[in-house]
Amino acid sequence: MRQLVLDLGHRPALGEADFLVAPCNQAAIQWLDRWPDWPAPALTLYGPAGCGKTHLARVFAARSRAPIIDAGRLATDVVPALLEEARACVVDDADRAGAEPLLHLFNLVAERRGAMLLTAREPPARWAGLLPDLRSRLAAAPAVAVAEPDDALLAALLVKLFADRQLAVRQEVVLFLVRQMERSFAAARRLVADLDAAGLREHRGITIPLARAVLSRG
């Protein structure tokens, strides 16, 4: 009988020291290190799903004591309550936020001489439905791309994700995965989760044969 796998979750390391710095994210990290000396009230980090935007946003939120605001909850009448007394904030998936409440939040942060970190898939110039005032404000603010990983970063990310799950995986397995997998942060997270579950079900360590079998299902 195969072991029943319970999805109890795990605690990925999200501390600043744990973030992996590489050419694909170095510019974003340098901009965050410049806070609070940004040239505008806002900074946008944009890139594909799973590229590390949320991790960077959490680092910034911890450093600046900024609330993290989900775009789906952002409405004009609740902007003051969401921001409370903070002078900085983070808006995840800001390209999904309503144009009017996002402009209201931007103006309130600017009045407080604070900072707003936005994350999105695309740069603000490509966001649909922005009000002209907000579009001009975001056009004057920096927007920094976070790209997909290269081989070295992808390998380091896999090692970190396995370590987050307390899994020891040999180097040759990691190198095999880097050569064979879809090249994205999101794919790395899915693959590590699938390998963890498969190893538990089949009472096996994470080896190249197991990795090959899991990849073939994908």
C-alpha atoms as a PDB file:
ATOM      1  CA  MET A   1       0.000   0.000   0.000  1.00  0.00           C
ATOM      2  CA  ARG A   2       1.331   3.396  -0.970  1.00  0.00           C
ATOM      3  CA  GLN A   3       1.891   5.852   1.848  1.00  0.00           C
ATOM      4  CA  LEU A   4      -0.831   8.474   2.190  1.00  0.00           C
ATOM      5  CA  VAL A   5       0.736  11.879   1.575  1.00  0.00           C
ATOM      6  CA  LEU A   6      -0.756  14.659   3.685  1.00  0.00           C
ATOM      7  CA  ASP A   7      -0.241  18.189   2.396  1.00  0.00           C
ATOM      8  CA  LEU A   8       0.876  19.787   5.650  1.00  0.00           C
ATOM      9  CA  GLY A   9       2.835  22.528   3.917  1.00  0.00           C
ATOM     10  CA  HIS A  10       6.330  23.663   4.748  1.00  0.00           C
ATOM     11  CA  ARG A  11       8.059  26.879   5.718  1.00  0.00           C
ATOM     12  CA  PRO A  12      10.231  28.241   2.923  1.00  0.00           C
ATOM     13  CA  ALA A  13      13.014  30.540   4.048  1.00  0.00           C
ATOM     14  CA  LEU A  14      12.010  34.108   3.252  1.00  0.00           C
ATOM     15  CA  GLY A  15      14.688  36.029   5.116  1.00  0.00           C
ATOM     16  CA  GLU A  16      16.764  38.648   3.327  1.00  0.00           C
ATOM     17  CA  ALA A  17      19.932  36.574   3.657  1.00  0.00           C
ATOM     18  CA  ASP A  18      18.222  33.625   1.979  1.00  0.00           C
ATOM     19  CA  PHE A  19      17.450  35.414  -1.256  1.00  0.00           C
ATOM     20  CA  LEU A  20      19.651  34.247  -4.109  1.00  0.00           C
ATOM     21  CA  VAL A  21      21.309  37.151  -5.913  1.00  0.00           C
ATOM     22  CA  ALA A  22      22.069  36.697  -9.609  1.00  0.00           C
ATOM     23  CA  PRO A  23      22.161  38.837 -12.768  1.00  0.00           C
ATOM     24  CA  CYS A  24      18.441  38.244 -13.350  1.00  0.00           C
ATOM     25  CA  ASN A  25      17.462  39.954 -10.083  1.00  0.00           C
ATOM     26  CA  GLN A  26      20.487  42.089  -9.194  1.00  0.00           C
ATOM     27  CA  ALA A  27      19.022  45.355 -10.484  1.00  0.00           C
ATOM     28  CA  ALA A  28      15.847  44.840  -8.447  1.00  0.00           C
ATOM     29  CA  ILE A  29      17.842  44.147  -5.290  1.00  0.00           C
ATOM     30  CA  GLN A  30      19.988  47.235  -5.863  1.00  0.00           C
ATOM     31  CA  TRP A  31      16.844  49.381  -6.137  1.00  0.00           C
ATOM     32  CA  LEU A  32      15.447  47.938  -2.912  1.00  0.00           C
ATOM     33  CA  ASP A  33      18.762  48.642  -1.203  1.00  0.00           C
ATOM     34  CA  ARG A  34      18.404  52.304  -2.225  1.00  0.00           C
ATOM     35  CA  TRP A  35      15.183  52.706  -0.212  1.00  0.00           C
ATOM     36  CA  PRO A  36      14.206  55.186   1.218  1.00  0.00           C
ATOM     37  CA  ASP A  37      16.201  57.237  -1.315  1.00  0.00           C
ATOM     38  CA  TRP A  38      14.015  56.427  -4.313  1.00  0.00           C
ATOM     39  CA  PRO A  39      13.512  59.176  -6.907  1.00  0.00           C
ATOM     40  CA  ALA A  40       9.716  58.677  -6.855  1.00  0.00           C
ATOM     41  CA  PRO A  41       7.092  57.406  -4.381  1.00  0.00           C
ATOM     42  CA  ALA A  42       6.764  54.088  -6.236  1.00  0.00           C
ATOM     43  CA  LEU A  43       8.912  51.260  -7.552  1.00  0.00           C
ATOM     44  CA  THR A  44       7.524  48.473  -9.731  1.00  0.00           C
ATOM     45  CA  LEU A  45       9.072  45.012  -9.891  1.00  0.00           C
ATOM     46  CA  TYR A  46       7.766  43.057 -12.854  1.00  0.00           C
ATOM     47  CA  GLY A  47       8.438  39.619 -14.250  1.00  0.00           C
ATOM     48  CA  PRO A  48       6.960  36.164 -14.795  1.00  0.00           C
ATOM     49  CA  ALA A  49       5.231  34.124 -12.121  1.00  0.00           C
ATOM     50  CA  GLY A  50       7.603  32.586  -9.608  1.00  0.00           C
ATOM     51  CA  CYS A  51      10.603  34.761 -10.485  1.00  0.00           C
ATOM     52  CA  GLY A  52      11.029  36.003  -6.899  1.00  0.00           C
ATOM     53  CA  LYS A  53       8.964  39.200  -6.852  1.00  0.00           C
ATOM     54  CA  THR A  54       6.965  38.106  -3.806  1.00  0.00           C
ATOM     55  CA  HIS A  55      10.106  37.169  -1.912  1.00  0.00           C
ATOM     56  CA  LEU A  56      11.645  40.569  -2.607  1.00  0.00           C
ATOM     57  CA  ALA A  57       8.386  42.262  -1.656  1.00  0.00           C
ATOM     58  CA  ARG A  58       8.367  40.481   1.694  1.00  0.00           C
ATOM     59  CA  VAL A  59      11.965  41.498   2.322  1.00  0.00           C
ATOM     60  CA  PHE A  60      11.033  45.116   1.616  1.00  0.00           C
ATOM     61  CA  ALA A  61       7.889  44.891   3.759  1.00  0.00           C
ATOM     62  CA  ALA A  62       9.872  43.584   6.725  1.00  0.00           C
ATOM     63  CA  ARG A  63      12.529  46.252   6.331  1.00  0.00           C
ATOM     64  CA  SER A  64      10.104  49.153   5.910  1.00  0.00           C
ATOM     65  CA  ARG A  65       7.295  47.834   8.166  1.00  0.00           C
ATOM     66  CA  ALA A  66       4.997  48.077   5.181  1.00  0.00           C
ATOM     67  CA  PRO A  67       1.642  46.298   5.003  1.00  0.00           C
ATOM     68  CA  ILE A  68       1.255  43.938   2.036  1.00  0.00           C
ATOM     69  CA  ILE A  69      -1.980  44.792   0.233  1.00  0.00           C
ATOM     70  CA  ASP A  70      -3.649  42.305  -2.060  1.00  0.00           C
ATOM     71  CA  ALA A  71      -4.836  43.993  -5.250  1.00  0.00           C
ATOM     72  CA  GLY A  72      -8.199  42.255  -4.986  1.00  0.00           C
ATOM     73  CA  ARG A  73      -8.925  43.941  -1.636  1.00  0.00           C
ATOM     74  CA  LEU A  74      -7.989  47.428  -2.773  1.00  0.00           C
ATOM     75  CA  ALA A  75     -10.976  49.783  -2.890  1.00  0.00           C
ATOM     76  CA  THR A  76     -11.038  53.562  -2.604  1.00  0.00           C
ATOM     77  CA  ASP A  77     -13.032  53.663   0.640  1.00  0.00           C
ATOM     78  CA  VAL A  78     -10.705  51.237   2.457  1.00  0.00           C
ATOM     79  CA  VAL A  79      -7.354  52.689   1.353  1.00  0.00           C
ATOM     80  CA  PRO A  80      -6.769  54.600   4.631  1.00  0.00           C
ATOM     81  CA  ALA A  81      -7.627  51.513   6.693  1.00  0.00           C
ATOM     82  CA  LEU A  82      -5.333  49.289   4.649  1.00  0.00           C
ATOM     83  CA  LEU A  83      -2.438  51.723   4.971  1.00  0.00           C
ATOM     84  CA  GLU A  84      -3.183  52.689   8.606  1.00  0.00           C
ATOM     85  CA  GLU A  85      -0.277  54.788   9.923  1.00  0.00           C
ATOM     86  CA  ALA A  86       2.342  53.267   7.626  1.00  0.00           C
ATOM     87  CA  ARG A  87       4.387  55.417   5.257  1.00  0.00           C
ATOM     88  CA  ALA A  88       5.223  52.500   2.977  1.00  0.00           C
ATOM     89  CA  CYS A  89       3.239  49.647   1.481  1.00  0.00           C
ATOM     90  CA  VAL A  90       3.437  46.750  -0.953  1.00  0.00           C
ATOM     91  CA  VAL A  91       0.774  45.976  -3.557  1.00  0.00           C
ATOM     92  CA  ASP A  92       1.029  42.458  -4.970  1.00  0.00           C
ATOM     93  CA  ASP A  93      -0.296  41.936  -8.508  1.00  0.00           C
ATOM     94  CA  ALA A  94      -0.796  45.673  -8.815  1.00  0.00           C
ATOM     95  CA  ASP A  95      -1.793  45.351 -12.459  1.00  0.00           C
ATOM     96  CA  ARG A  96      -5.034  43.713 -11.210  1.00  0.00           C
ATOM     97  CA  ALA A  97      -5.891  46.599  -8.887  1.00  0.00           C
ATOM     98  CA  GLY A  98      -8.655  49.068  -9.632  1.00  0.00           C
ATOM     99  CA  ALA A  99      -7.311  52.224 -11.251  1.00  0.00           C
ATOM    100  CA  GLU A 100      -9.056  54.677  -8.917  1.00  0.00           C
ATOM    101  CA  PRO A 101      -8.097  53.065  -5.575  1.00  0.00           C
ATOM    102  CA  LEU A 102      -4.527  52.527  -6.782  1.00  0.00           C
ATOM    103  CA  LEU A 103      -4.282  56.234  -7.647  1.00  0.00           C
ATOM    104  CA  HIS A 104      -5.757  57.119  -4.245  1.00  0.00           C
ATOM    105  CA  LEU A 105      -3.184  54.894  -2.517  1.00  0.00           C
ATOM    106  CA  PHE A 106      -0.345  56.382  -4.556  1.00  0.00           C
ATOM    107  CA  ASN A 107      -1.413  59.918  -3.613  1.00  0.00           C
ATOM    108  CA  LEU A 108      -1.753  59.063   0.082  1.00  0.00           C
ATOM    109  CA  VAL A 109       1.705  57.474   0.167  1.00  0.00           C
ATOM    110  CA  ALA A 110       3.160  60.478  -1.662  1.00  0.00           C
ATOM    111  CA  GLU A 111       1.513  62.876   0.838  1.00  0.00           C
ATOM    112  CA  ARG A 112       3.244  60.977   3.638  1.00  0.00           C
ATOM    113  CA  ARG A 113       6.566  61.142   1.755  1.00  0.00           C
ATOM    114  CA  GLY A 114       6.567  57.368   1.805  1.00  0.00           C
ATOM    115  CA  ALA A 115       7.144  54.557  -0.682  1.00  0.00           C
ATOM    116  CA  MET A 116       4.989  52.047  -2.523  1.00  0.00           C
ATOM    117  CA  LEU A 117       6.418  48.830  -3.944  1.00  0.00           C
ATOM    118  CA  LEU A 118       4.313  47.303  -6.724  1.00  0.00           C
ATOM    119  CA  THR A 119       4.670  43.830  -8.212  1.00  0.00           C
ATOM    120  CA  ALA A 120       3.217  42.744 -11.538  1.00  0.00           C
ATOM    121  CA  ARG A 121       3.747  40.486 -14.543  1.00  0.00           C
ATOM    122  CA  GLU A 122       4.235  43.440 -16.922  1.00  0.00           C
ATOM    123  CA  PRO A 123       5.641  46.978 -16.561  1.00  0.00           C
ATOM    124  CA  PRO A 124       3.095  49.726 -15.851  1.00  0.00           C
ATOM    125  CA  ALA A 125       3.298  50.995 -19.442  1.00  0.00           C
ATOM    126  CA  ARG A 126       1.469  47.803 -20.481  1.00  0.00           C
ATOM    127  CA  TRP A 127      -1.228  47.850 -17.791  1.00  0.00           C
ATOM    128  CA  ALA A 128      -4.746  48.265 -19.096  1.00  0.00           C
ATOM    129  CA  GLY A 129      -7.242  50.742 -17.694  1.00  0.00           C
ATOM    130  CA  LEU A 130      -4.896  53.088 -15.839  1.00  0.00           C
ATOM    131  CA  LEU A 131      -6.196  56.578 -15.232  1.00  0.00           C
ATOM    132  CA  PRO A 132      -4.085  59.233 -17.002  1.00  0.00           C
ATOM    133  CA  ASP A 133      -2.900  60.755 -13.700  1.00  0.00           C
ATOM    134  CA  LEU A 134      -1.729  57.392 -12.395  1.00  0.00           C
ATOM    135  CA  ARG A 135      -0.165  56.423 -15.716  1.00  0.00           C
ATOM    136  CA  SER A 136       1.919  59.609 -15.728  1.00  0.00           C
ATOM    137  CA  ARG A 137       2.988  59.101 -12.096  1.00  0.00           C
ATOM    138  CA  LEU A 138       4.051  55.497 -12.697  1.00  0.00           C
ATOM    139  CA  ALA A 139       5.812  56.476 -15.922  1.00  0.00           C
ATOM    140  CA  ALA A 140       7.981  58.825 -13.846  1.00  0.00           C
ATOM    141  CA  ALA A 141       8.806  56.087 -11.327  1.00  0.00           C
ATOM    142  CA  PRO A 142      11.356  53.291 -11.815  1.00  0.00           C
ATOM    143  CA  ALA A 143      10.193  49.895 -13.091  1.00  0.00           C
ATOM    144  CA  VAL A 144      12.661  47.027 -12.863  1.00  0.00           C
ATOM    145  CA  ALA A 145      12.473  43.632 -14.521  1.00  0.00           C
ATOM    146  CA  VAL A 146      13.095  40.400 -12.619  1.00  0.00           C
ATOM    147  CA  ALA A 147      14.002  37.781 -15.211  1.00  0.00           C
ATOM    148  CA  GLU A 148      13.920  34.001 -15.311  1.00  0.00           C
ATOM    149  CA  PRO A 149      16.969  32.244 -13.795  1.00  0.00           C
ATOM    150  CA  ASP A 150      20.153  31.085 -15.499  1.00  0.00           C
ATOM    151  CA  ASP A 151      21.610  27.603 -14.870  1.00  0.00           C
ATOM    152  CA  ALA A 152      23.576  28.576 -11.768  1.00  0.00           C
ATOM    153  CA  LEU A 153      20.659  30.329 -10.114  1.00  0.00           C
ATOM    154  CA  LEU A 154      18.213  27.595 -11.033  1.00  0.00           C
ATOM    155  CA  ALA A 155      20.495  24.991  -9.445  1.00  0.00           C
ATOM    156  CA  ALA A 156      20.904  27.111  -6.309  1.00  0.00           C
ATOM    157  CA  LEU A 157      17.140  27.616  -6.130  1.00  0.00           C
ATOM    158  CA  LEU A 158      16.507  23.864  -6.339  1.00  0.00           C
ATOM    159  CA  VAL A 159      18.986  23.243  -3.523  1.00  0.00           C
ATOM    160  CA  LYS A 160      17.243  25.913  -1.417  1.00  0.00           C
ATOM    161  CA  LEU A 161      13.768  24.532  -2.130  1.00  0.00           C
ATOM    162  CA  PHE A 162      14.863  21.010  -1.210  1.00  0.00           C
ATOM    163  CA  ALA A 163      16.487  22.357   1.974  1.00  0.00           C
ATOM    164  CA  ASP A 164      13.249  24.179   2.864  1.00  0.00           C
ATOM    165  CA  ARG A 165      11.607  20.731   2.874  1.00  0.00           C
ATOM    166  CA  GLN A 166      14.541  19.206   4.781  1.00  0.00           C
ATOM    167  CA  LEU A 167      15.489  17.043   1.794  1.00  0.00           C
ATOM    168  CA  ALA A 168      19.108  16.186   1.007  1.00  0.00           C
ATOM    169  CA  VAL A 169      19.546  15.711  -2.739  1.00  0.00           C
ATOM    170  CA  ARG A 170      22.787  14.797  -4.496  1.00  0.00           C
ATOM    171  CA  GLN A 171      24.439  17.268  -6.841  1.00  0.00           C
ATOM    172  CA  GLU A 172      24.071  15.056  -9.905  1.00  0.00           C
ATOM    173  CA  VAL A 173      20.297  14.991  -9.381  1.00  0.00           C
ATOM    174  CA  VAL A 174      20.148  18.772  -9.208  1.00  0.00           C
ATOM    175  CA  LEU A 175      22.224  19.110 -12.401  1.00  0.00           C
ATOM    176  CA  PHE A 176      19.989  16.580 -14.163  1.00  0.00           C
ATOM    177  CA  LEU A 177      16.908  18.562 -13.169  1.00  0.00           C
ATOM    178  CA  VAL A 178      18.410  21.837 -14.394  1.00  0.00           C
ATOM    179  CA  ARG A 179      19.074  20.296 -17.826  1.00  0.00           C
ATOM    180  CA  GLN A 180      15.629  18.713 -18.173  1.00  0.00           C
ATOM    181  CA  MET A 181      13.089  20.978 -16.448  1.00  0.00           C
ATOM    182  CA  GLU A 182      11.118  23.989 -17.606  1.00  0.00           C
ATOM    183  CA  ARG A 183      13.288  27.009 -16.955  1.00  0.00           C
ATOM    184  CA  SER A 184      11.322  29.082 -14.471  1.00  0.00           C
ATOM    185  CA  PHE A 185      11.084  29.694 -10.746  1.00  0.00           C
ATOM    186  CA  ALA A 186       7.470  28.548 -10.730  1.00  0.00           C
ATOM    187  CA  ALA A 187       8.427  25.279 -12.436  1.00  0.00           C
ATOM    188  CA  ALA A 188      11.204  24.714  -9.881  1.00  0.00           C
ATOM    189  CA  ARG A 189       8.741  25.033  -7.016  1.00  0.00           C
ATOM    190  CA  ARG A 190       6.243  22.674  -8.638  1.00  0.00           C
ATOM    191  CA  LEU A 191       8.948  20.143  -9.457  1.00  0.00           C
ATOM    192  CA  VAL A 192      10.384  20.057  -5.949  1.00  0.00           C
ATOM    193  CA  ALA A 193       6.883  19.604  -4.507  1.00  0.00           C
ATOM    194  CA  ASP A 194       6.161  16.777  -6.981  1.00  0.00           C
ATOM    195  CA  LEU A 195       9.446  15.043  -6.211  1.00  0.00           C
ATOM    196  CA  ASP A 196       8.852  15.335  -2.472  1.00  0.00           C
ATOM    197  CA  ALA A 197       5.381  13.811  -2.828  1.00  0.00           C
ATOM    198  CA  ALA A 198       6.590  11.043  -5.155  1.00  0.00           C
ATOM    199  CA  GLY A 199       9.427  10.117  -2.822  1.00  0.00           C
ATOM    200  CA  LEU A 200       7.023   9.828   0.098  1.00  0.00           C
ATOM    201  CA  ARG A 201       4.492   7.775  -1.859  1.00  0.00           C
ATOM    202  CA  GLU A 202       7.078   5.362  -3.200  1.00  0.00           C
ATOM    203  CA  HIS A 203       9.355   5.225  -0.135  1.00  0.00           C
ATOM    204  CA  ARG A 204      12.308   6.326  -2.269  1.00  0.00           C
ATOM    205  CA  GLY A 205      15.004   8.901  -2.071  1.00  0.00           C
ATOM    206  CA  ILE A 206      15.112  11.595  -4.722  1.00  0.00           C
ATOM    207  CA  THR A 207      17.295  10.071  -7.417  1.00  0.00           C
ATOM    208  CA  ILE A 208      17.747  10.569 -11.145  1.00  0.00           C
ATOM    209  CA  PRO A 209      15.382   7.660 -11.994  1.00  0.00           C
ATOM    210  CA  LEU A 210      12.696   9.171  -9.760  1.00  0.00           C
ATOM    211  CA  ALA A 211      13.331  12.629 -11.244  1.00  0.00           C
ATOM    212  CA  ARG A 212      13.077  11.207 -14.764  1.00  0.00           C
ATOM    213  CA  ALA A 213       9.773   9.510 -13.912  1.00  0.00           C
ATOM    214  CA  VAL A 214       8.304  12.675 -12.381  1.00  0.00           C
ATOM    215  CA  LEU A 215       9.409  14.812 -15.314  1.00  0.00           C
ATOM    216  CA  SER A 216       7.882  12.363 -17.776  1.00  0.00           C
ATOM    217  CA  ARG A 217       4.481  12.849 -16.123  1.00  0.00           C
ATOM    218  CA  GLY A 218       4.662  16.589 -16.391  1.00  0.00           C
END
